[in-house]
């Protein structure tokens, strides 16, 4: 296949563009290395597509929409059924490539694919998801009904941290609704994404319905400003997400932009101690902290501040190694640049007076000395004015704040500008109900550290973590990828009584 890696592969390949059903070599002069973050091995080269290549991809999607929009629901659904079967069949092979290019463990890579696969499975329900509404006899002999119709060419811009899940959140739902799609994967790790796209073609997605371009800011801006693109979906950093939302919005497009986070876990004294500590360590340090829903702040209430030594001991037991190695808990961060940023933020925490309970800066992994490794890092004594609290670190760093009361904890979470996810650990139903009612965050977990909803619902970040009012999957994304047309109809037979001229706006 175009993008797969084989064990021990040494030949460096190039990632290709997909335009009108054909894999093509870019004619660009600008390329970037795709690097294994554990070894620094160059796995492939990715092109930064030229303006003509982006235009060709959009033109192919625009032309394909003319026929794809009329493809019966059943035919679209059957393609999704085949796609989910193919993804399930090839998931282990894709996970190996994903682990090599992104750094996460193979088990976590399989989870990345599975959470995207759930959305593909939900897309198989498009027959009911895209239904309109009908009301009979809204006036004398008048019926009103709605149609949910595709909007045209859509585009998706995806991040490095979930190169399988996020693309599978986007293009299957867009095309099953009758749209065509232009996908721009992360330039840091597009190979596993391309493997999924190949499976979509094998499943029967017609030429031009799904297209792929690669690149950086210039390609992103071209997508956001292209007159034939009707909607843009983005997942990534706050800085880029804000830019995408503003630029695409000013050019008349629908936009959903899922951005940064600072997710808090509030721990009450009655919480199950062992389960809570395990949840905090897994959510903070899993995937090297590179999840937008990672728990990066623990708010310990009352006597739970005494749990810090146990949390430290648990974090110390986690194994830092290459994601390909068995038993690895924490793999490398995506790049040397990312590692430098994490290290600088850890240093700022020390400088600003936080207590460094566990320092992961000097981790060395035998056999992978050049890897971008940062070990689990734990701070206590953190205050809300420190950079390690105000900025998203996106590394295996957990900061601990302590408060005396539950109300203080809720107020602290609500003051933070981000609203992606939060969790409460307690055995009190009353406390849980108060928390879910008063907390101003889009996704809430009760004894769940990473409360990403299943696809029957929608991803619902809020405030500084989300721009646009509709989420990237579930019922909300069907609204995003379709437009509602309302039809009001009256039919007459030959024997109908002539009502005469009606010059009012009333139906009668």
Protein backbone atom coordinates (compact mmCIF):
# COMPACT_ATOMS: atom_id res chain seq x y z
CA UNK A 1 0.00 0.00 0.00
CA UNK A 2 1.03 3.59 -0.57
CA UNK A 3 1.76 4.51 3.04
CA UNK A 4 2.49 1.35 5.00
CA UNK A 5 5.76 0.67 6.78
CA UNK A 6 7.25 -2.78 7.06
CA UNK A 7 9.34 -3.92 10.06
CA UNK A 8 12.95 -2.94 9.55
CA UNK A 9 12.14 -0.80 6.51
CA UNK A 10 15.10 1.33 5.42
CA UNK A 11 14.00 2.81 2.08
CA UNK A 12 12.63 6.32 2.50
CA UNK A 13 9.36 6.81 0.69
CA UNK A 14 7.40 9.93 -0.12
CA UNK A 15 3.85 10.60 0.99
CA UNK A 16 1.63 11.18 -2.02
CA UNK A 17 -1.32 13.41 -2.75
CA UNK A 18 -4.72 11.92 -3.58
CA UNK A 19 -6.46 13.85 -6.34
CA UNK A 20 -9.52 12.54 -8.16
CA UNK A 21 -8.89 8.97 -7.08
CA UNK A 22 -5.23 8.90 -8.13
CA UNK A 23 -2.15 8.86 -5.90
CA UNK A 24 0.20 11.46 -7.39
CA UNK A 25 3.71 12.64 -6.60
CA UNK A 26 3.75 16.31 -5.65
CA UNK A 27 5.67 18.71 -7.88
CA UNK A 28 6.54 20.93 -4.92
CA UNK A 29 10.05 22.01 -4.02
CA UNK A 30 9.24 22.04 -0.29
CA UNK A 31 9.43 18.77 1.66
CA UNK A 32 9.53 17.78 5.32
CA UNK A 33 10.91 14.65 6.96
CA UNK A 34 8.56 12.32 8.82
CA UNK A 35 10.68 11.23 11.77
CA UNK A 36 10.32 8.38 14.25
CA UNK A 37 10.34 10.31 17.55
CA UNK A 38 12.00 7.45 19.44
CA UNK A 39 14.90 6.94 17.04
CA UNK A 40 15.07 10.05 14.77
CA UNK A 41 14.95 7.69 11.79
CA UNK A 42 13.50 9.40 8.73
CA UNK A 43 10.53 7.27 7.74
CA UNK A 44 9.34 9.24 4.74
CA UNK A 45 9.18 12.67 3.16
CA UNK A 46 5.96 14.68 3.03
CA UNK A 47 5.37 17.37 0.39
CA UNK A 48 3.94 20.81 1.02
CA UNK A 49 1.45 20.92 -1.83
CA UNK A 50 1.57 23.71 -4.38
CA UNK A 51 -1.38 26.09 -4.87
CA UNK A 52 -2.16 24.34 -8.17
CA UNK A 53 -2.28 20.97 -6.42
CA UNK A 54 -4.65 22.26 -3.74
CA UNK A 55 -6.84 23.77 -6.44
CA UNK A 56 -6.82 20.48 -8.36
CA UNK A 57 -7.94 18.56 -5.25
CA UNK A 58 -10.78 21.01 -4.62
CA UNK A 59 -11.77 20.98 -8.29
CA UNK A 60 -11.95 17.17 -8.23
CA UNK A 61 -14.14 17.30 -5.13
CA UNK A 62 -16.34 20.01 -6.66
CA UNK A 63 -16.90 17.95 -9.82
CA UNK A 64 -17.51 14.71 -7.91
CA UNK A 65 -20.14 16.40 -5.74
CA UNK A 66 -22.42 16.77 -8.77
CA UNK A 67 -23.03 13.04 -8.84
CA UNK A 68 -22.11 11.91 -5.33
CA UNK A 69 -24.81 14.08 -3.76
CA UNK A 70 -27.44 12.00 -5.62
CA UNK A 71 -25.97 8.64 -4.55
CA UNK A 72 -28.66 6.76 -2.59
CA UNK A 73 -28.33 6.60 1.18
CA UNK A 74 -28.12 2.83 1.05
CA UNK A 75 -25.15 2.91 -1.30
CA UNK A 76 -23.30 5.41 0.91
CA UNK A 77 -24.08 3.33 3.97
CA UNK A 78 -22.75 0.14 2.39
CA UNK A 79 -19.43 1.87 1.67
CA UNK A 80 -19.19 2.75 5.36
CA UNK A 81 -20.01 -0.83 6.32
CA UNK A 82 -17.16 -2.07 4.13
CA UNK A 83 -14.81 0.62 5.42
CA UNK A 84 -15.37 -0.34 9.05
CA UNK A 85 -14.70 -3.98 8.20
CA UNK A 86 -11.47 -3.07 6.40
CA UNK A 87 -10.26 -0.81 9.22
CA UNK A 88 -10.94 -3.55 11.73
CA UNK A 89 -9.08 -6.08 9.55
CA UNK A 90 -6.00 -3.88 9.09
CA UNK A 91 -5.94 -2.13 12.47
CA UNK A 92 -2.86 -3.91 13.84
CA UNK A 93 -0.82 -3.12 10.74
CA UNK A 94 -1.92 0.52 10.80
CA UNK A 95 -1.13 0.71 14.52
CA UNK A 96 2.50 -0.29 13.89
CA UNK A 97 2.92 2.55 11.40
CA UNK A 98 1.10 4.96 13.71
CA UNK A 99 3.36 4.02 16.62
CA UNK A 100 6.48 4.44 14.49
CA UNK A 101 5.61 7.90 13.20
CA UNK A 102 3.81 9.33 16.24
CA UNK A 103 5.56 7.63 19.15
CA UNK A 104 2.63 6.32 21.16
CA UNK A 105 2.57 2.72 22.29
CA UNK A 106 1.16 0.11 19.93
CA UNK A 107 -1.71 -0.54 22.34
CA UNK A 108 -2.53 3.17 22.48
CA UNK A 109 -2.26 3.35 18.68
CA UNK A 110 -4.82 0.56 18.44
CA UNK A 111 -7.04 2.57 20.77
CA UNK A 112 -6.57 5.62 18.54
CA UNK A 113 -7.85 3.60 15.58
CA UNK A 114 -10.69 2.02 17.53
CA UNK A 115 -12.12 5.33 18.75
CA UNK A 116 -12.18 6.51 15.13
CA UNK A 117 -13.67 3.21 14.01
CA UNK A 118 -16.60 3.81 16.35
CA UNK A 119 -17.47 6.91 14.33
CA UNK A 120 -17.30 4.95 11.07
CA UNK A 121 -19.70 2.44 12.60
CA UNK A 122 -22.02 5.26 13.57
CA UNK A 123 -21.85 6.57 10.00
CA UNK A 124 -23.45 3.28 8.96
CA UNK A 125 -26.64 4.59 10.62
CA UNK A 126 -26.92 7.48 8.17
CA UNK A 127 -30.33 6.22 7.02
CA UNK A 128 -31.83 7.40 10.29
CA UNK A 129 -29.33 10.15 11.17
CA UNK A 130 -30.14 12.17 8.04
CA UNK A 131 -33.91 11.92 8.30
CA UNK A 132 -35.92 15.10 8.12
CA UNK A 133 -39.21 15.97 9.85
CA UNK A 134 -42.81 15.96 8.67
CA UNK A 135 -45.94 17.65 9.95
CA UNK A 136 -49.27 16.94 8.28
CA UNK A 137 -52.03 19.51 7.83
CA UNK A 138 -50.24 22.50 9.36
CA UNK A 139 -52.96 24.54 7.61
CA UNK A 140 -55.92 23.49 5.49
CA UNK A 141 -54.54 20.80 3.20
CA UNK A 142 -50.97 22.00 3.79
CA UNK A 143 -48.07 19.77 4.87
CA UNK A 144 -44.58 20.90 5.94
CA UNK A 145 -41.46 18.78 5.90
CA UNK A 146 -37.71 19.20 6.02
CA UNK A 147 -34.90 17.75 3.94
CA UNK A 148 -31.32 17.40 5.18
CA UNK A 149 -29.16 17.90 2.09
CA UNK A 150 -25.36 17.91 1.65
CA UNK A 151 -23.66 21.27 1.41
CA UNK A 152 -20.83 20.58 -1.07
CA UNK A 153 -17.06 20.37 -0.76
CA UNK A 154 -15.89 20.11 2.87
CA UNK A 155 -12.36 20.07 4.29
CA UNK A 156 -10.63 18.75 7.38
CA UNK A 157 -7.37 19.79 9.05
CA UNK A 158 -6.15 17.19 11.54
CA UNK A 159 -3.53 17.18 14.35
CA UNK A 160 -0.48 15.02 15.01
CA UNK A 161 -1.64 13.48 18.26
CA UNK A 162 -4.45 11.33 16.81
CA UNK A 163 -3.56 10.60 13.18
CA UNK A 164 -6.19 7.85 12.94
CA UNK A 165 -9.03 8.92 15.22
CA UNK A 166 -9.46 12.52 14.12
CA UNK A 167 -9.46 11.87 10.35
CA UNK A 168 -12.03 9.13 11.01
CA UNK A 169 -14.11 11.67 12.92
CA UNK A 170 -14.15 13.85 9.82
CA UNK A 171 -14.24 12.36 6.35
CA UNK A 172 -16.58 9.36 6.91
CA UNK A 173 -19.37 11.52 8.36
CA UNK A 174 -18.88 14.23 5.74
CA UNK A 175 -19.03 11.91 2.74
CA UNK A 176 -21.77 9.64 4.07
CA UNK A 177 -23.94 12.78 4.30
CA UNK A 178 -23.41 13.25 0.55
CA UNK A 179 -20.56 15.77 0.58
CA UNK A 180 -17.10 15.49 -0.94
CA UNK A 181 -13.97 16.05 1.10
CA UNK A 182 -10.43 17.43 1.03
CA UNK A 183 -8.30 16.16 3.92
CA UNK A 184 -5.07 17.77 5.14
CA UNK A 185 -3.41 15.43 7.64
CA UNK A 186 -0.72 16.57 10.05
CA UNK A 187 2.54 16.98 8.20
CA UNK A 188 4.31 15.36 11.17
CA UNK A 189 2.70 11.91 10.92
CA UNK A 190 0.45 11.44 7.87
CA UNK A 191 1.36 7.86 6.96
CA UNK A 192 -1.25 6.08 9.08
CA UNK A 193 -3.86 8.57 7.89
CA UNK A 194 -3.02 7.69 4.29
CA UNK A 195 -3.46 4.01 5.07
CA UNK A 196 -7.00 4.75 6.24
CA UNK A 197 -7.68 6.75 3.09
CA UNK A 198 -6.48 3.81 0.98
CA UNK A 199 -8.98 1.59 2.78
CA UNK A 200 -11.72 4.12 2.03
CA UNK A 201 -10.93 3.87 -1.67
CA UNK A 202 -10.92 0.07 -1.40
CA UNK A 203 -14.31 0.27 0.30
CA UNK A 204 -15.72 2.00 -2.77
CA UNK A 205 -15.40 5.74 -2.25
CA UNK A 206 -15.51 7.08 -5.84
CA UNK A 207 -12.79 9.23 -7.44
CA UNK A 208 -12.90 12.85 -6.28
CA UNK A 209 -15.16 12.20 -3.29
CA UNK A 210 -12.14 12.00 -0.96
CA UNK A 211 -8.91 13.89 -1.72
CA UNK A 212 -5.71 14.44 0.29
CA UNK A 213 -3.26 17.33 0.28
CA UNK A 214 -0.27 17.87 2.57
CA UNK A 215 1.36 21.03 3.84
CA UNK A 216 1.64 23.77 6.44
CA UNK A 217 0.16 27.21 6.93
CA UNK A 218 -0.02 28.06 3.22
CA UNK A 219 -2.11 24.97 2.49
CA UNK A 220 -4.30 25.61 5.54
CA UNK A 221 -4.92 29.17 4.38
CA UNK A 222 -5.68 28.00 0.85
CA UNK A 223 -8.32 25.64 2.25
CA UNK A 224 -9.83 28.35 4.44
CA UNK A 225 -10.12 30.84 1.57
CA UNK A 226 -11.02 28.62 -1.39
CA UNK A 227 -14.41 29.72 -2.78
CA UNK A 228 -15.58 26.17 -3.55
CA UNK A 229 -15.08 24.83 -0.01
CA UNK A 230 -18.24 25.21 2.07
CA UNK A 231 -17.18 23.90 5.49
CA UNK A 232 -13.93 23.43 7.40
CA UNK A 233 -13.37 21.16 10.40
CA UNK A 234 -10.24 21.69 12.49
CA UNK A 235 -8.68 19.96 15.50
CA UNK A 236 -5.40 21.22 16.94
CA UNK A 237 -3.75 24.04 18.83
CA UNK A 238 -5.57 27.14 20.03
CA UNK A 239 -3.40 29.51 18.00
CA UNK A 240 -3.99 27.73 14.69
CA UNK A 241 -7.61 26.92 15.51
CA UNK A 242 -8.43 30.56 16.19
CA UNK A 243 -6.76 31.54 12.92
CA UNK A 244 -8.71 28.89 10.98
CA UNK A 245 -12.02 29.90 12.54
CA UNK A 246 -11.46 33.58 11.81
CA UNK A 247 -10.10 33.17 8.26
CA UNK A 248 -12.57 30.54 7.07
CA UNK A 249 -15.46 32.36 8.75
CA UNK A 250 -14.57 35.59 7.00
CA UNK A 251 -14.69 33.68 3.73
CA UNK A 252 -18.23 32.49 4.33
CA UNK A 253 -17.61 28.93 5.48
CA UNK A 254 -19.09 26.85 8.25
CA UNK A 255 -16.33 26.15 10.76
CA UNK A 256 -15.89 23.88 13.75
CA UNK A 257 -12.61 24.38 15.56
CA UNK A 258 -11.62 22.12 18.46
CA UNK A 259 -8.60 23.59 20.22
CA UNK A 260 -6.46 23.60 23.36
CA UNK A 261 -7.29 22.51 26.88
CA UNK A 262 -6.33 22.52 30.53
CA UNK A 263 -8.33 19.65 31.94
CA UNK A 264 -8.88 19.48 35.71
CA UNK A 265 -9.63 16.45 37.86
CA UNK A 266 -11.28 17.34 41.16
CA UNK A 267 -10.72 14.76 43.89
CA UNK A 268 -12.95 14.63 46.96
CA UNK A 269 -11.91 12.87 50.20
CA UNK A 270 -14.52 10.14 49.77
CA UNK A 271 -13.18 9.05 46.36
CA UNK A 272 -12.00 5.47 45.89
CA UNK A 273 -8.32 6.03 46.60
CA UNK A 274 -6.67 3.32 44.49
CA UNK A 275 -8.96 3.75 41.50
CA UNK A 276 -8.59 7.53 41.55
CA UNK A 277 -4.79 7.46 41.74
CA UNK A 278 -4.63 4.97 38.89
CA UNK A 279 -6.98 7.14 36.82
CA UNK A 280 -4.94 10.30 37.44
CA UNK A 281 -1.65 8.64 36.47
CA UNK A 282 -3.09 7.05 33.34
CA UNK A 283 -4.86 10.20 32.14
CA UNK A 284 -1.91 12.51 32.88
CA UNK A 285 0.99 10.45 31.56
CA UNK A 286 -0.58 8.18 28.93
CA UNK A 287 0.28 9.08 25.32
CA UNK A 288 3.08 11.19 26.85
CA UNK A 289 0.42 13.73 27.86
CA UNK A 290 -0.26 14.54 24.20
CA UNK A 291 -4.03 14.25 24.34
CA UNK A 292 -6.31 17.26 24.18
CA UNK A 293 -8.33 15.48 26.85
CA UNK A 294 -5.36 14.56 29.07
CA UNK A 295 -5.75 15.34 32.75
CA UNK A 296 -3.07 17.96 33.30
CA UNK A 297 -4.34 19.46 36.58
CA UNK A 298 -5.35 17.61 39.76
CA UNK A 299 -7.34 19.65 42.26
CA UNK A 300 -7.09 17.88 45.62
CA UNK A 301 -9.80 18.88 48.07
CA UNK A 302 -9.26 18.80 51.83
CA UNK A 303 -7.43 15.74 53.12
CA UNK A 304 -6.71 14.36 49.63
CA UNK A 305 -3.58 16.56 49.55
CA UNK A 306 -2.04 13.74 51.58
CA UNK A 307 -2.29 11.50 48.49
CA UNK A 308 0.59 13.22 46.67
CA UNK A 309 3.32 10.76 47.81
CA UNK A 310 1.25 7.82 46.55
CA UNK A 311 0.64 9.56 43.24
CA UNK A 312 4.37 10.16 42.91
CA UNK A 313 5.18 6.53 43.70
CA UNK A 314 2.69 5.37 41.08
CA UNK A 315 4.14 7.69 38.42
CA UNK A 316 7.66 6.48 39.18
CA UNK A 317 6.66 2.93 38.28
CA UNK A 318 5.63 3.86 34.73
CA UNK A 319 8.03 2.59 32.08
CA UNK A 320 9.41 5.14 29.64
CA UNK A 321 10.48 3.58 26.35
CA UNK A 322 9.85 3.50 22.62
CA UNK A 323 6.23 2.86 21.79
CA UNK A 324 7.19 -0.25 19.86
CA UNK A 325 8.69 -1.91 22.95
CA UNK A 326 6.53 -4.26 25.03
CA UNK A 327 5.51 -2.96 28.42
CA UNK A 328 5.97 0.72 27.56
CA UNK A 329 3.72 3.12 29.46
CA UNK A 330 5.09 6.47 28.27
CA UNK A 331 6.54 6.94 24.80
CA UNK A 332 8.34 9.97 23.35
CA UNK A 333 6.79 13.30 22.53
CA UNK A 334 6.35 14.01 18.84
CA UNK A 335 9.46 16.10 18.09
CA UNK A 336 12.62 17.65 19.50
CA UNK A 337 10.89 21.02 19.36
CA UNK A 338 7.99 19.67 21.42
CA UNK A 339 10.44 18.22 23.96
CA UNK A 340 12.26 21.55 24.27
CA UNK A 341 8.97 23.32 24.93
CA UNK A 342 7.97 20.82 27.63
CA UNK A 343 11.36 21.10 29.30
CA UNK A 344 11.19 24.90 29.27
CA UNK A 345 7.79 24.83 30.95
CA UNK A 346 9.05 22.43 33.63
CA UNK A 347 11.94 24.81 34.26
CA UNK A 348 9.50 27.70 34.56
CA UNK A 349 7.56 25.81 37.23
CA UNK A 350 10.72 25.41 39.30
CA UNK A 351 11.63 29.07 38.80
CA UNK A 352 8.17 30.25 39.84
CA UNK A 353 8.26 28.30 43.10
CA UNK A 354 6.30 25.11 42.52
CA UNK A 355 7.57 21.96 44.21
CA UNK A 356 8.97 19.47 41.70
CA UNK A 357 7.92 16.17 43.27
CA UNK A 358 9.05 14.07 40.30
CA UNK A 359 11.44 15.27 37.59
CA UNK A 360 11.26 13.60 34.18
CA UNK A 361 13.72 15.85 32.36
CA UNK A 362 16.79 13.62 32.48
CA UNK A 363 15.27 10.35 31.35
CA UNK A 364 17.57 8.31 29.13
CA UNK A 365 16.24 5.21 27.39
CA UNK A 366 18.96 2.63 26.57
CA UNK A 367 19.04 1.97 22.85
CA UNK A 368 16.97 5.08 22.15
CA UNK A 369 19.30 7.78 23.44
CA UNK A 370 18.27 10.19 20.65
CA UNK A 371 14.56 9.84 21.39
CA UNK A 372 12.32 12.73 22.41
CA UNK A 373 11.65 11.33 25.87
CA UNK A 374 10.31 13.17 28.89
CA UNK A 375 9.46 11.09 31.93
CA UNK A 376 6.39 11.51 34.12
CA UNK A 377 6.73 14.84 35.94
CA UNK A 378 4.75 15.90 38.99
CA UNK A 379 4.42 19.33 40.56
CA UNK A 380 2.75 20.26 43.84
CA UNK A 381 2.33 23.66 45.46
CA UNK A 382 1.13 25.08 42.14
CA UNK A 383 -0.76 28.37 41.96
CA UNK A 384 -3.00 29.63 39.19
CA UNK A 385 -0.57 32.37 38.08
CA UNK A 386 2.23 29.95 37.17
CA UNK A 387 2.93 29.15 33.52
CA UNK A 388 2.67 25.42 34.19
CA UNK A 389 -0.96 26.11 35.10
CA UNK A 390 -1.91 28.81 32.60
CA UNK A 391 -0.38 27.16 29.51
CA UNK A 392 -1.17 23.83 27.90
CA UNK A 393 2.04 21.82 28.33
CA UNK A 394 1.13 18.88 26.06
CA UNK A 395 3.61 16.58 27.74
CA UNK A 396 3.66 14.05 30.62
CA UNK A 397 3.37 16.72 33.31
CA UNK A 398 0.73 16.77 36.05
CA UNK A 399 0.33 19.85 38.24
CA UNK A 400 -1.40 19.61 41.61
CA UNK A 401 -3.36 22.39 43.29
CA UNK A 402 -4.98 22.04 46.69
CA UNK A 403 -8.13 23.71 48.05
CA UNK A 404 -10.09 23.36 51.24
CA UNK A 405 -13.64 23.01 49.93
CA UNK A 406 -15.60 21.57 47.02
CA UNK A 407 -17.01 25.01 46.16
CA UNK A 408 -13.47 26.39 45.87
CA UNK A 409 -12.60 23.59 43.47
CA UNK A 410 -15.59 24.31 41.23
CA UNK A 411 -14.79 28.03 41.21
CA UNK A 412 -11.15 27.31 40.33
CA UNK A 413 -12.10 25.13 37.34
CA UNK A 414 -14.65 27.66 36.12
CA UNK A 415 -12.12 30.51 36.22
CA UNK A 416 -9.82 28.72 33.80
CA UNK A 417 -10.36 29.96 30.23
CA UNK A 418 -10.41 26.45 28.73
CA UNK A 419 -13.49 24.24 28.74
CA UNK A 420 -12.61 20.98 27.03
CA UNK A 421 -12.99 18.37 29.76
CA UNK A 422 -13.06 17.86 33.50
CA UNK A 423 -13.57 15.04 35.96
CA UNK A 424 -14.83 14.56 39.49
CA UNK A 425 -13.77 11.65 41.69
CA UNK A 426 -16.22 10.93 44.48
CA UNK A 427 -18.63 8.34 45.86
CA UNK A 428 -21.28 10.96 46.58
CA UNK A 429 -24.18 11.18 44.15
CA UNK A 430 -25.12 14.57 45.56
CA UNK A 431 -21.62 15.93 44.94
CA UNK A 432 -21.61 14.52 41.42
CA UNK A 433 -24.96 16.11 40.63
CA UNK A 434 -23.81 19.48 41.98
CA UNK A 435 -20.62 19.25 39.94
CA UNK A 436 -22.23 18.39 36.62
CA UNK A 437 -24.75 21.18 37.13
CA UNK A 438 -22.38 23.97 38.15
CA UNK A 439 -19.22 23.23 36.20
CA UNK A 440 -18.73 25.33 33.06
CA UNK A 441 -16.94 22.75 30.92
CA UNK A 442 -18.17 20.94 27.84
CA UNK A 443 -17.34 17.34 28.78
CA UNK A 444 -17.69 16.07 32.31
CA UNK A 445 -16.54 12.76 33.75
CA UNK A 446 -17.78 11.30 37.01
CA UNK A 447 -15.06 8.88 38.14
CA UNK A 448 -13.99 8.89 34.47
CA UNK A 449 -10.63 10.61 33.81
CA UNK A 450 -10.98 11.19 30.05
CA UNK A 451 -14.70 11.77 29.37
CA UNK A 452 -14.69 11.61 25.56
CA UNK A 453 -18.26 10.61 24.64
CA UNK A 454 -19.12 7.68 22.40
CA UNK A 455 -20.24 8.61 18.86
CA UNK A 456 -23.97 8.44 19.62
CA UNK A 457 -23.36 11.73 21.45
CA UNK A 458 -21.02 14.49 20.32
CA UNK A 459 -17.67 15.88 21.38
CA UNK A 460 -18.72 19.03 23.22
CA UNK A 461 -15.78 21.13 24.38
CA UNK A 462 -16.65 24.71 25.24
CA UNK A 463 -15.34 28.22 25.94
CA UNK A 464 -11.65 28.62 25.01
CA UNK A 465 -11.43 25.03 23.77
CA UNK A 466 -14.02 25.27 21.00
CA UNK A 467 -15.16 27.70 18.34
CA UNK A 468 -18.36 26.91 16.48
CA UNK A 469 -21.50 25.51 18.06
CA UNK A 470 -21.57 22.01 16.53
CA UNK A 471 -19.30 19.12 17.52
CA UNK A 472 -17.28 16.79 15.27
CA UNK A 473 -19.38 13.63 15.49
CA UNK A 474 -22.75 12.35 16.68
CA UNK A 475 -26.02 14.04 15.69
CA UNK A 476 -24.38 17.47 15.77
CA UNK A 477 -22.00 16.66 12.93
CA UNK A 478 -24.89 15.64 10.68
CA UNK A 479 -26.26 19.14 11.21
CA UNK A 480 -22.82 20.58 10.43
CA UNK A 481 -22.44 18.66 7.16
CA UNK A 482 -25.99 19.22 5.90
CA UNK A 483 -28.32 22.12 5.26
CA UNK A 484 -31.98 22.02 6.15
CA UNK A 485 -34.50 22.75 3.44
CA UNK A 486 -38.09 23.30 4.53
CA UNK A 487 -40.86 22.45 2.08
CA UNK A 488 -44.45 23.61 2.55
CA UNK A 489 -46.79 21.89 0.10
CA UNK A 490 -50.46 21.88 -0.87
CA UNK A 491 -51.93 19.67 -3.57
CA UNK A 492 -55.24 20.22 -5.37
CA UNK A 493 -57.41 17.77 -7.20
CA UNK A 494 -59.55 18.78 -10.16
CA UNK A 495 -62.68 19.19 -8.04
CA UNK A 496 -61.10 21.56 -5.51
CA UNK A 497 -62.99 24.70 -4.57
CA UNK A 498 -61.26 27.86 -5.81
CA UNK A 499 -60.34 29.92 -2.73
CA UNK A 500 -59.72 33.06 -4.71
CA UNK A 501 -56.84 35.48 -4.29
CA UNK A 502 -55.22 35.61 -0.84
CA UNK A 503 -53.17 38.80 -0.30
CA UNK A 504 -52.24 38.03 3.32
CA UNK A 505 -49.42 35.86 4.63
CA UNK A 506 -51.87 33.47 6.30
CA UNK A 507 -52.35 29.94 5.04
CA UNK A 508 -56.00 28.96 4.98
